[in-house]
Amino acid sequence: MRKFHIGDKIEMRPFKRKDAADVLAGVKENYEHLRPFLHWVTPDYSMTSARQFIEQTRKGFAANSSHTYGIFSDGTLAGAIGFVSFNWPSKQGEIGYWLAKDFEGKGIITQACKLLLQYAFNDLNLNRLEIRCAAENNRSRAIPERLGFTLEGILRQSVWRHDRFYDMAIYGMLNSSQ
């Protein structure tokens, strides 16, 4: 399983079982920040939830159905990023990410996405990547816009999160357009 580095202090690597306490702490400390846009951030998020998340990421790597990386800054969990799904026959994947509030505004997700774009198009030989985010999540939408993705549309009220429907912005990038 591949690791990536952003500068000297930030590492993207697959989650290890021992990261469960850090995942739990990161979710609990960033609950209000993450909850509006992530369906899995719930009041009952627990150590069991964190362990299940890590096992799910490990199974995704093993099955080559998803690749999820923890983002660690000087050993502290800052967030996660990865390919949340692949469609291998169509040579496409979807990137998803979240970042703790204290790490926002430092270019971490933009740099992490750049690394995943290179990996996807050069090593995984994908043709298309998507990023889907809530239309009202301006910080999240700024990432694909900054990276040159094309806004392909808004899916109206397409995702239910906690207590309401959200419109989703769909961004796409083709290998030939990078």
Foldseek 3Di string as FASTA:
>chain_A
DDKDDDPDFKIWDQDDLVCLVLVQVLLVVQLVVPQVWDQPSDPPCDSVNSNVVSVVQVVCVVVVFWHKIFIAGNNHGFWIKIFPGADVVQQETEIDIDGRPVPPPPCPVLVVVVVVLCCSCPPVVGFKYKYKTFPPPVSSVVNCVVVVWAFPDWAPQPDDHDHGGTIMTMTMDGSVRD
